[in-house]
PDB file of N, CA and C in Angstrom:
ATOM      1  N   UNK A   1     136.250  88.076  60.983  1.00  0.00           N
ATOM      2  CA  UNK A   1     137.042  88.014  61.963  1.00  0.00           C
ATOM      3  C   UNK A   1     138.462  87.810  62.317  1.00  0.00           C
ATOM      4  N   UNK A   2     138.796  88.425  63.026  1.00  0.00           N
ATOM      5  CA  UNK A   2     140.477  87.273  63.917  1.00  0.00           C
ATOM      6  C   UNK A   2     140.328  87.012  65.075  1.00  0.00           C
ATOM      7  N   UNK A   3     140.749  85.501  64.900  1.00  0.00           N
ATOM      8  CA  UNK A   3     140.384  85.110  65.756  1.00  0.00           C
ATOM      9  C   UNK A   3     141.678  85.662  66.927  1.00  0.00           C
ATOM     10  N   UNK A   4     141.486  85.738  67.956  1.00  0.00           N
ATOM     11  CA  UNK A   4     142.948  86.435  69.318  1.00  0.00           C
ATOM     12  C   UNK A   4     143.605  85.268  69.553  1.00  0.00           C
ATOM     13  N   UNK A   5     145.210  85.511  69.884  1.00  0.00           N
ATOM     14  CA  UNK A   5     145.922  84.497  70.288  1.00  0.00           C
ATOM     15  C   UNK A   5     145.955  84.135  71.525  1.00  0.00           C
ATOM     16  N   UNK A   6     145.364  82.529  72.145  1.00  0.00           N
ATOM     17  CA  UNK A   6     145.427  82.148  72.953  1.00  0.00           C
ATOM     18  C   UNK A   6     146.593  81.641  73.336  1.00  0.00           C
ATOM     19  N   UNK A   7     147.083  82.354  74.510  1.00  0.00           N
ATOM     20  CA  UNK A   7     148.928  80.846  74.691  1.00  0.00           C
ATOM     21  C   UNK A   7     148.347  79.986  75.478  1.00  0.00           C
ATOM     22  N   UNK A   8     147.050  80.283  76.076  1.00  0.00           N
ATOM     23  CA  UNK A   8     146.384  79.026  76.998  1.00  0.00           C
ATOM     24  C   UNK A   8     146.165  77.748  75.647  1.00  0.00           C
ATOM     25  N   UNK A   9     145.748  77.944  74.399  1.00  0.00           N
ATOM     26  CA  UNK A   9     145.003  76.935  73.767  1.00  0.00           C
ATOM     27  C   UNK A   9     146.555  76.300  73.351  1.00  0.00           C
ATOM     28  N   UNK A  10     146.365  75.119  73.501  1.00  0.00           N
ATOM     29  CA  UNK A  10     147.924  74.390  72.169  1.00  0.00           C
ATOM     30  C   UNK A  10     147.113  73.888  71.289  1.00  0.00           C
ATOM     31  N   UNK A  11     147.669  74.727  70.318  1.00  0.00           N
ATOM     32  CA  UNK A  11     147.277  74.088  68.710  1.00  0.00           C
ATOM     33  C   UNK A  11     147.663  72.368  69.028  1.00  0.00           C
ATOM     34  N   UNK A  12     146.431  72.006  68.049  1.00  0.00           N
ATOM     35  CA  UNK A  12     146.689  70.404  68.150  1.00  0.00           C
ATOM     36  C   UNK A  12     147.899  69.722  67.315  1.00  0.00           C
ATOM     37  N   UNK A  13     148.354  70.418  65.911  1.00  0.00           N
ATOM     38  CA  UNK A  13     149.457  70.466  64.947  1.00  0.00           C
ATOM     39  C   UNK A  13     150.534  70.631  65.655  1.00  0.00           C
ATOM     40  N   UNK A  14     151.206  71.271  66.515  1.00  0.00           N
ATOM     41  CA  UNK A  14     152.367  71.413  67.032  1.00  0.00           C
ATOM     42  C   UNK A  14     152.529  70.775  68.339  1.00  0.00           C
ATOM     43  N   UNK A  15     153.689  71.206  68.956  1.00  0.00           N
ATOM     44  CA  UNK A  15     154.135  69.584  70.275  1.00  0.00           C
ATOM     45  C   UNK A  15     154.361  71.393  71.047  1.00  0.00           C
ATOM     46  N   UNK A  16     153.967  71.572  72.432  1.00  0.00           N
ATOM     47  CA  UNK A  16     154.049  72.170  73.744  1.00  0.00           C
ATOM     48  C   UNK A  16     155.280  72.802  73.528  1.00  0.00           C
ATOM     49  N   UNK A  17     155.232  74.402  73.892  1.00  0.00           N
ATOM     50  CA  UNK A  17     156.926  74.956  73.866  1.00  0.00           C
ATOM     51  C   UNK A  17     156.925  74.734  75.012  1.00  0.00           C
ATOM     52  N   UNK A  18     156.313  74.241  75.847  1.00  0.00           N
ATOM     53  CA  UNK A  18     157.442  73.425  77.099  1.00  0.00           C
ATOM     54  C   UNK A  18     157.508  71.871  77.571  1.00  0.00           C
ATOM     55  N   UNK A  19     157.380  71.350  77.244  1.00  0.00           N
ATOM     56  CA  UNK A  19     157.052  69.667  78.177  1.00  0.00           C
ATOM     57  C   UNK A  19     156.597  70.022  79.295  1.00  0.00           C
ATOM     58  N   UNK A  20     157.100  70.723  80.327  1.00  0.00           N
ATOM     59  CA  UNK A  20     156.778  70.487  81.116  1.00  0.00           C
ATOM     60  C   UNK A  20     155.411  71.816  82.058  1.00  0.00           C
ATOM     61  N   UNK A  21     154.981  71.907  81.105  1.00  0.00           N
ATOM     62  CA  UNK A  21     153.911  72.589  81.828  1.00  0.00           C
ATOM     63  C   UNK A  21     152.694  71.860  82.211  1.00  0.00           C
ATOM     64  N   UNK A  22     153.271  70.711  82.731  1.00  0.00           N
ATOM     65  CA  UNK A  22     151.787  69.561  83.190  1.00  0.00           C
ATOM     66  C   UNK A  22     151.862  69.855  84.643  1.00  0.00           C
ATOM     67  N   UNK A  23     153.335  70.348  85.150  1.00  0.00           N
ATOM     68  CA  UNK A  23     153.195  70.270  86.420  1.00  0.00           C
ATOM     69  C   UNK A  23     153.665  71.429  86.915  1.00  0.00           C
ATOM     70  N   UNK A  24     153.115  72.747  85.789  1.00  0.00           N
ATOM     71  CA  UNK A  24     153.191  73.974  86.479  1.00  0.00           C
ATOM     72  C   UNK A  24     152.132  74.429  88.044  1.00  0.00           C
ATOM     73  N   UNK A  25     152.184  75.217  88.474  1.00  0.00           N
ATOM     74  CA  UNK A  25     151.181  75.068  89.794  1.00  0.00           C
ATOM     75  C   UNK A  25     150.964  73.724  90.930  1.00  0.00           C
ATOM     76  N   UNK A  26     151.772  72.969  90.549  1.00  0.00           N
ATOM     77  CA  UNK A  26     151.977  71.409  91.623  1.00  0.00           C
ATOM     78  C   UNK A  26     152.644  72.068  92.589  1.00  0.00           C
ATOM     79  N   UNK A  27     152.683  71.848  93.972  1.00  0.00           N
ATOM     80  CA  UNK A  27     153.063  72.411  95.095  1.00  0.00           C
ATOM     81  C   UNK A  27     154.696  71.597  95.208  1.00  0.00           C
ATOM     82  N   UNK A  28     154.967  70.736  94.193  1.00  0.00           N
ATOM     83  CA  UNK A  28     156.596  70.239  93.746  1.00  0.00           C
ATOM     84  C   UNK A  28     157.069  71.382  92.826  1.00  0.00           C
ATOM     85  N   UNK A  29     156.472  71.753  92.310  1.00  0.00           N
ATOM     86  CA  UNK A  29     156.656  72.506  91.156  1.00  0.00           C
ATOM     87  C   UNK A  29     156.777  74.501  91.886  1.00  0.00           C
ATOM     88  N   UNK A  30     155.705  75.194  92.843  1.00  0.00           N
ATOM     89  CA  UNK A  30     156.201  75.973  94.272  1.00  0.00           C
ATOM     90  C   UNK A  30     157.264  75.909  94.356  1.00  0.00           C
ATOM     91  N   UNK A  31     157.709  74.759  94.928  1.00  0.00           N
ATOM     92  CA  UNK A  31     158.221  74.677  96.142  1.00  0.00           C
ATOM     93  C   UNK A  31     160.287  75.026  95.318  1.00  0.00           C
ATOM     94  N   UNK A  32     159.909  73.885  94.348  1.00  0.00           N
ATOM     95  CA  UNK A  32     161.627  74.489  93.935  1.00  0.00           C
ATOM     96  C   UNK A  32     161.596  75.554  93.643  1.00  0.00           C
ATOM     97  N   UNK A  33     160.941  75.983  92.666  1.00  0.00           N
ATOM     98  CA  UNK A  33     160.702  77.539  92.324  1.00  0.00           C
ATOM     99  C   UNK A  33     161.340  78.457  93.340  1.00  0.00           C
ATOM    100  N   UNK A  34     160.837  78.479  94.207  1.00  0.00           N
ATOM    101  CA  UNK A  34     160.609  79.548  95.217  1.00  0.00           C
ATOM    102  C   UNK A  34     162.302  79.013  95.848  1.00  0.00           C
ATOM    103  N   UNK A  35     163.081  77.764  95.942  1.00  0.00           N
ATOM    104  CA  UNK A  35     164.178  77.536  96.523  1.00  0.00           C
ATOM    105  C   UNK A  35     165.310  77.965  95.241  1.00  0.00           C
ATOM    106  N   UNK A  36     165.306  77.964  93.956  1.00  0.00           N
ATOM    107  CA  UNK A  36     165.687  77.851  92.745  1.00  0.00           C
ATOM    108  C   UNK A  36     165.682  80.013  92.251  1.00  0.00           C
ATOM    109  N   UNK A  37     164.542  80.524  92.900  1.00  0.00           N
ATOM    110  CA  UNK A  37     164.972  81.618  93.392  1.00  0.00           C
ATOM    111  C   UNK A  37     166.176  82.771  93.890  1.00  0.00           C
ATOM    112  N   UNK A  38     165.245  81.988  95.424  1.00  0.00           N
ATOM    113  CA  UNK A  38     166.483  82.185  96.708  1.00  0.00           C
ATOM    114  C   UNK A  38     168.170  82.027  96.441  1.00  0.00           C
ATOM    115  N   UNK A  39     168.567  80.723  95.324  1.00  0.00           N
ATOM    116  CA  UNK A  39     169.615  80.439  94.696  1.00  0.00           C
ATOM    117  C   UNK A  39     170.294  81.523  93.740  1.00  0.00           C
ATOM    118  N   UNK A  40     168.866  81.861  92.943  1.00  0.00           N
ATOM    119  CA  UNK A  40     169.846  82.661  92.407  1.00  0.00           C
ATOM    120  C   UNK A  40     169.680  84.184  93.331  1.00  0.00           C
ATOM    121  N   UNK A  41     168.660  84.416  93.528  1.00  0.00           N
ATOM    122  CA  UNK A  41     169.653  86.195  94.729  1.00  0.00           C
ATOM    123  C   UNK A  41     170.558  86.058  94.897  1.00  0.00           C
ATOM    124  N   UNK A  42     170.634  84.896  95.604  1.00  0.00           N
ATOM    125  CA  UNK A  42     171.962  84.785  96.635  1.00  0.00           C
ATOM    126  C   UNK A  42     173.015  85.338  95.936  1.00  0.00           C
ATOM    127  N   UNK A  43     173.463  84.511  94.273  1.00  0.00           N
ATOM    128  CA  UNK A  43     173.524  84.619  93.454  1.00  0.00           C
ATOM    129  C   UNK A  43     174.702  83.283  93.787  1.00  0.00           C
ATOM    130  N   UNK A  44     173.790  81.984  94.096  1.00  0.00           N
ATOM    131  CA  UNK A  44     174.116  80.770  94.468  1.00  0.00           C
ATOM    132  C   UNK A  44     175.087  80.115  92.522  1.00  0.00           C
ATOM    133  N   UNK A  45     174.011  80.335  92.082  1.00  0.00           N
ATOM    134  CA  UNK A  45     174.061  79.276  90.829  1.00  0.00           C
ATOM    135  C   UNK A  45     173.601  80.750  90.319  1.00  0.00           C
ATOM    136  N   UNK A  46     173.505  80.243  88.897  1.00  0.00           N
ATOM    137  CA  UNK A  46     173.333  81.276  87.876  1.00  0.00           C
ATOM    138  C   UNK A  46     173.225  80.000  86.155  1.00  0.00           C
ATOM    139  N   UNK A  47     171.868  80.491  86.080  1.00  0.00           N
ATOM    140  CA  UNK A  47     171.161  79.990  85.049  1.00  0.00           C
ATOM    141  C   UNK A  47     171.405  80.181  83.594  1.00  0.00           C
ATOM    142  N   UNK A  48     170.860  79.386  82.589  1.00  0.00           N
ATOM    143  CA  UNK A  48     171.569  79.227  81.571  1.00  0.00           C
ATOM    144  C   UNK A  48     170.738  78.881  80.597  1.00  0.00           C
ATOM    145  N   UNK A  49     169.423  78.837  80.983  1.00  0.00           N
ATOM    146  CA  UNK A  49     168.447  77.820  80.612  1.00  0.00           C
ATOM    147  C   UNK A  49     167.032  78.859  81.410  1.00  0.00           C
ATOM    148  N   UNK A  50     166.440  78.670  80.266  1.00  0.00           N
ATOM    149  CA  UNK A  50     164.775  79.726  81.556  1.00  0.00           C
ATOM    150  C   UNK A  50     164.680  78.729  83.142  1.00  0.00           C
ATOM    151  N   UNK A  51     164.346  78.992  83.565  1.00  0.00           N
ATOM    152  CA  UNK A  51     163.486  78.762  85.091  1.00  0.00           C
ATOM    153  C   UNK A  51     162.753  77.510  84.951  1.00  0.00           C
ATOM    154  N   UNK A  52     161.573  78.227  83.731  1.00  0.00           N
ATOM    155  CA  UNK A  52     160.544  77.350  83.562  1.00  0.00           C
ATOM    156  C   UNK A  52     161.171  75.633  83.526  1.00  0.00           C
ATOM    157  N   UNK A  53     162.324  75.554  82.404  1.00  0.00           N
ATOM    158  CA  UNK A  53     162.782  74.641  81.836  1.00  0.00           C
ATOM    159  C   UNK A  53     163.308  74.000  83.130  1.00  0.00           C
ATOM    160  N   UNK A  54     164.397  74.465  83.790  1.00  0.00           N
ATOM    161  CA  UNK A  54     164.750  73.872  85.260  1.00  0.00           C
ATOM    162  C   UNK A  54     164.072  73.453  85.987  1.00  0.00           C
ATOM    163  N   UNK A  55     163.063  74.134  86.551  1.00  0.00           N
ATOM    164  CA  UNK A  55     162.137  73.905  87.428  1.00  0.00           C
ATOM    165  C   UNK A  55     160.865  72.738  87.200  1.00  0.00           C
ATOM    166  N   UNK A  56     161.064  72.724  85.444  1.00  0.00           N
ATOM    167  CA  UNK A  56     160.015  71.687  85.278  1.00  0.00           C
ATOM    168  C   UNK A  56     160.992  70.431  84.829  1.00  0.00           C
ATOM    169  N   UNK A  57     162.080  70.437  84.837  1.00  0.00           N
ATOM    170  CA  UNK A  57     163.497  69.419  84.817  1.00  0.00           C
ATOM    171  C   UNK A  57     162.847  68.328  86.526  1.00  0.00           C
ATOM    172  N   UNK A  58     163.523  69.206  87.474  1.00  0.00           N
ATOM    173  CA  UNK A  58     163.487  68.715  88.373  1.00  0.00           C
ATOM    174  C   UNK A  58     162.570  68.383  89.134  1.00  0.00           C
ATOM    175  N   UNK A  59     161.083  69.159  88.600  1.00  0.00           N
ATOM    176  CA  UNK A  59     159.868  68.772  89.165  1.00  0.00           C
ATOM    177  C   UNK A  59     159.565  67.397  89.051  1.00  0.00           C
ATOM    178  N   UNK A  60     160.147  66.676  87.154  1.00  0.00           N
ATOM    179  CA  UNK A  60     159.836  65.669  86.017  1.00  0.00           C
ATOM    180  C   UNK A  60     160.533  64.529  87.383  1.00  0.00           C
ATOM    181  N   UNK A  61     162.053  64.805  87.821  1.00  0.00           N
ATOM    182  CA  UNK A  61     162.911  64.088  87.678  1.00  0.00           C
ATOM    183  C   UNK A  61     162.287  63.291  89.419  1.00  0.00           C
ATOM    184  N   UNK A  62     161.978  64.490  90.442  1.00  0.00           N
ATOM    185  CA  UNK A  62     161.387  64.346  91.535  1.00  0.00           C
ATOM    186  C   UNK A  62     160.215  63.082  91.709  1.00  0.00           C
ATOM    187  N   UNK A  63     159.418  63.753  90.600  1.00  0.00           N
ATOM    188  CA  UNK A  63     158.246  63.000  90.746  1.00  0.00           C
ATOM    189  C   UNK A  63     158.496  61.149  90.491  1.00  0.00           C
ATOM    190  N   UNK A  64     158.943  61.528  89.613  1.00  0.00           N
ATOM    191  CA  UNK A  64     159.764  59.942  88.906  1.00  0.00           C
ATOM    192  C   UNK A  64     160.507  59.102  89.710  1.00  0.00           C
ATOM    193  N   UNK A  65     161.180  59.729  90.896  1.00  0.00           N
ATOM    194  CA  UNK A  65     162.120  59.057  92.018  1.00  0.00           C
ATOM    195  C   UNK A  65     161.015  58.427  93.063  1.00  0.00           C
ATOM    196  N   UNK A  66     159.772  59.486  93.312  1.00  0.00           N
ATOM    197  CA  UNK A  66     158.690  59.629  94.121  1.00  0.00           C
ATOM    198  C   UNK A  66     157.810  58.491  93.923  1.00  0.00           C
ATOM    199  N   UNK A  67     157.916  58.355  92.684  1.00  0.00           N
ATOM    200  CA  UNK A  67     156.878  57.321  92.022  1.00  0.00           C
ATOM    201  C   UNK A  67     157.666  55.556  91.922  1.00  0.00           C
ATOM    202  N   UNK A  68     159.058  55.669  91.873  1.00  0.00           N
ATOM    203  CA  UNK A  68     159.717  54.501  92.253  1.00  0.00           C
ATOM    204  C   UNK A  68     159.800  54.004  93.076  1.00  0.00           C
ATOM    205  N   UNK A  69     159.956  55.264  94.552  1.00  0.00           N
ATOM    206  CA  UNK A  69     160.471  55.131  95.687  1.00  0.00           C
ATOM    207  C   UNK A  69     158.998  53.818  96.175  1.00  0.00           C
ATOM    208  N   UNK A  70     157.429  54.617  95.805  1.00  0.00           N
ATOM    209  CA  UNK A  70     157.087  53.768  96.333  1.00  0.00           C
ATOM    210  C   UNK A  70     156.467  52.793  95.126  1.00  0.00           C
ATOM    211  N   UNK A  71     156.400  52.062  94.105  1.00  0.00           N
ATOM    212  CA  UNK A  71     156.613  51.477  93.376  1.00  0.00           C
ATOM    213  C   UNK A  71     157.440  50.080  94.104  1.00  0.00           C
ATOM    214  N   UNK A  72     159.387  50.411  94.504  1.00  0.00           N
ATOM    215  CA  UNK A  72     159.915  49.371  95.243  1.00  0.00           C
ATOM    216  C   UNK A  72     159.897  49.302  96.544  1.00  0.00           C
ATOM    217  N   UNK A  73     158.175  49.890  96.979  1.00  0.00           N
ATOM    218  CA  UNK A  73     158.753  49.338  98.503  1.00  0.00           C
ATOM    219  C   UNK A  73     158.825  48.168  98.188  1.00  0.00           C
ATOM    220  N   UNK A  74     158.424  47.260  98.281  1.00  0.00           N
ATOM    221  CA  UNK A  74     159.243  45.601  98.059  1.00  0.00           C
ATOM    222  C   UNK A  74     160.341  45.719  97.047  1.00  0.00           C
ATOM    223  N   UNK A  75     161.279  45.116  98.586  1.00  0.00           N
ATOM    224  CA  UNK A  75     162.929  44.880  98.218  1.00  0.00           C
ATOM    225  C   UNK A  75     163.122  43.916  97.473  1.00  0.00           C
ATOM    226  N   UNK A  76     161.752  43.412  97.323  1.00  0.00           N
ATOM    227  CA  UNK A  76     162.473  41.681  95.772  1.00  0.00           C
ATOM    228  C   UNK A  76     162.026  42.750  94.661  1.00  0.00           C
ATOM    229  N   UNK A  77     161.305  43.033  94.748  1.00  0.00           N
ATOM    230  CA  UNK A  77     160.402  43.795  93.543  1.00  0.00           C
ATOM    231  C   UNK A  77     161.715  44.807  93.042  1.00  0.00           C
ATOM    232  N   UNK A  78     162.275  45.550  94.265  1.00  0.00           N
ATOM    233  CA  UNK A  78     163.749  46.103  93.325  1.00  0.00           C
ATOM    234  C   UNK A  78     164.538  45.675  93.176  1.00  0.00           C
ATOM    235  N   UNK A  79     165.358  45.148  93.833  1.00  0.00           N
ATOM    236  CA  UNK A  79     165.946  43.849  93.251  1.00  0.00           C
ATOM    237  C   UNK A  79     165.800  43.494  91.597  1.00  0.00           C
ATOM    238  N   UNK A  80     164.514  42.854  92.049  1.00  0.00           N
ATOM    239  CA  UNK A  80     164.559  42.281  90.093  1.00  0.00           C
ATOM    240  C   UNK A  80     164.283  43.320  89.642  1.00  0.00           C
ATOM    241  N   UNK A  81     163.721  44.924  89.631  1.00  0.00           N
ATOM    242  CA  UNK A  81     163.708  45.845  88.685  1.00  0.00           C
ATOM    243  C   UNK A  81     165.635  46.269  88.427  1.00  0.00           C
ATOM    244  N   UNK A  82     166.036  46.381  89.176  1.00  0.00           N
ATOM    245  CA  UNK A  82     167.362  46.671  88.890  1.00  0.00           C
ATOM    246  C   UNK A  82     167.957  45.767  88.305  1.00  0.00           C
ATOM    247  N   UNK A  83     167.930  44.261  88.118  1.00  0.00           N
ATOM    248  CA  UNK A  83     168.788  43.774  87.648  1.00  0.00           C
ATOM    249  C   UNK A  83     168.435  43.043  86.195  1.00  0.00           C
ATOM    250  N   UNK A  84     167.589  44.100  86.025  1.00  0.00           N
ATOM    251  CA  UNK A  84     166.541  44.287  84.565  1.00  0.00           C
ATOM    252  C   UNK A  84     166.826  45.205  83.881  1.00  0.00           C
ATOM    253  N   UNK A  85     167.475  46.350  84.758  1.00  0.00           N
ATOM    254  CA  UNK A  85     167.996  47.558  83.769  1.00  0.00           C
ATOM    255  C   UNK A  85     169.722  46.792  83.772  1.00  0.00           C
ATOM    256  N   UNK A  86     169.819  46.337  84.978  1.00  0.00           N
ATOM    257  CA  UNK A  86     171.708  45.800  84.537  1.00  0.00           C
ATOM    258  C   UNK A  86     171.767  44.965  83.373  1.00  0.00           C
ATOM    259  N   UNK A  87     170.849  44.302  83.574  1.00  0.00           N
ATOM    260  CA  UNK A  87     170.963  43.590  82.040  1.00  0.00           C
ATOM    261  C   UNK A  87     170.697  44.251  80.934  1.00  0.00           C
ATOM    262  N   UNK A  88     169.840  45.331  80.834  1.00  0.00           N
ATOM    263  CA  UNK A  88     169.708  45.499  79.463  1.00  0.00           C
ATOM    264  C   UNK A  88     171.154  46.895  79.198  1.00  0.00           C
ATOM    265  N   UNK A  89     171.298  47.361  80.154  1.00  0.00           N
ATOM    266  CA  UNK A  89     172.471  48.177  79.638  1.00  0.00           C
ATOM    267  C   UNK A  89     173.708  46.368  79.154  1.00  0.00           C
ATOM    268  N   UNK A  90     173.955  46.283  79.812  1.00  0.00           N
ATOM    269  CA  UNK A  90     174.631  44.575  79.496  1.00  0.00           C
ATOM    270  C   UNK A  90     174.845  44.689  77.782  1.00  0.00           C
ATOM    271  N   UNK A  91     173.647  44.306  77.523  1.00  0.00           N
ATOM    272  CA  UNK A  91     173.349  44.013  76.239  1.00  0.00           C
ATOM    273  C   UNK A  91     173.537  44.980  75.376  1.00  0.00           C
ATOM    274  N   UNK A  92     173.197  45.955  75.340  1.00  0.00           N
ATOM    275  CA  UNK A  92     173.084  47.171  74.818  1.00  0.00           C
ATOM    276  C   UNK A  92     174.778  47.521  74.435  1.00  0.00           C
ATOM    277  N   UNK A  93     175.407  47.175  75.901  1.00  0.00           N
ATOM    278  CA  UNK A  93     177.386  47.166  75.536  1.00  0.00           C
ATOM    279  C   UNK A  93     177.787  46.632  74.500  1.00  0.00           C
ATOM    280  N   UNK A  94     177.064  45.175  74.917  1.00  0.00           N
ATOM    281  CA  UNK A  94     178.077  43.922  73.999  1.00  0.00           C
ATOM    282  C   UNK A  94     177.225  44.111  72.361  1.00  0.00           C
ATOM    283  N   UNK A  95     176.624  44.695  72.063  1.00  0.00           N
ATOM    284  CA  UNK A  95     175.806  45.059  70.935  1.00  0.00           C
ATOM    285  C   UNK A  95     176.722  46.205  70.571  1.00  0.00           C
ATOM    286  N   UNK A  96     176.847  47.372  71.054  1.00  0.00           N
ATOM    287  CA  UNK A  96     177.637  48.002  70.168  1.00  0.00           C
ATOM    288  C   UNK A  96     179.005  47.239  69.900  1.00  0.00           C
ATOM    289  N   UNK A  97     179.253  46.552  70.608  1.00  0.00           N
ATOM    290  CA  UNK A  97     180.833  46.500  70.561  1.00  0.00           C
ATOM    291  C   UNK A  97     180.447  45.477  69.618  1.00  0.00           C
ATOM    292  N   UNK A  98     179.974  44.708  69.464  1.00  0.00           N
ATOM    293  CA  UNK A  98     180.190  44.001  67.843  1.00  0.00           C
ATOM    294  C   UNK A  98     180.109  44.576  66.804  1.00  0.00           C
ATOM    295  N   UNK A  99     179.347  45.686  66.531  1.00  0.00           N
ATOM    296  CA  UNK A  99     179.501  46.953  65.497  1.00  0.00           C
ATOM    297  C   UNK A  99     181.252  47.648  65.228  1.00  0.00           C
TER     298      UNK A  99
END
């Protein structure tokens, strides 16, 4: 008996085809999808990448920003985080310049 291919079932030995599938059917996905459709129909933009990747990327970035905003409501926490990021970049650049 031959098993039917089910695109919704992912083989655990392979990567998912689209890394953003987890965001599908979220409110953010639906909103961004509609906005992107409007831009395309109005010929304001032309996509060179599959819409699912563009939408997924935007949703992921949006959710990360929302998460960061929630995480850093406290100004002191936000400042410490930014300082850590700047320090890490400084040491990355410094270590590259030695080579």
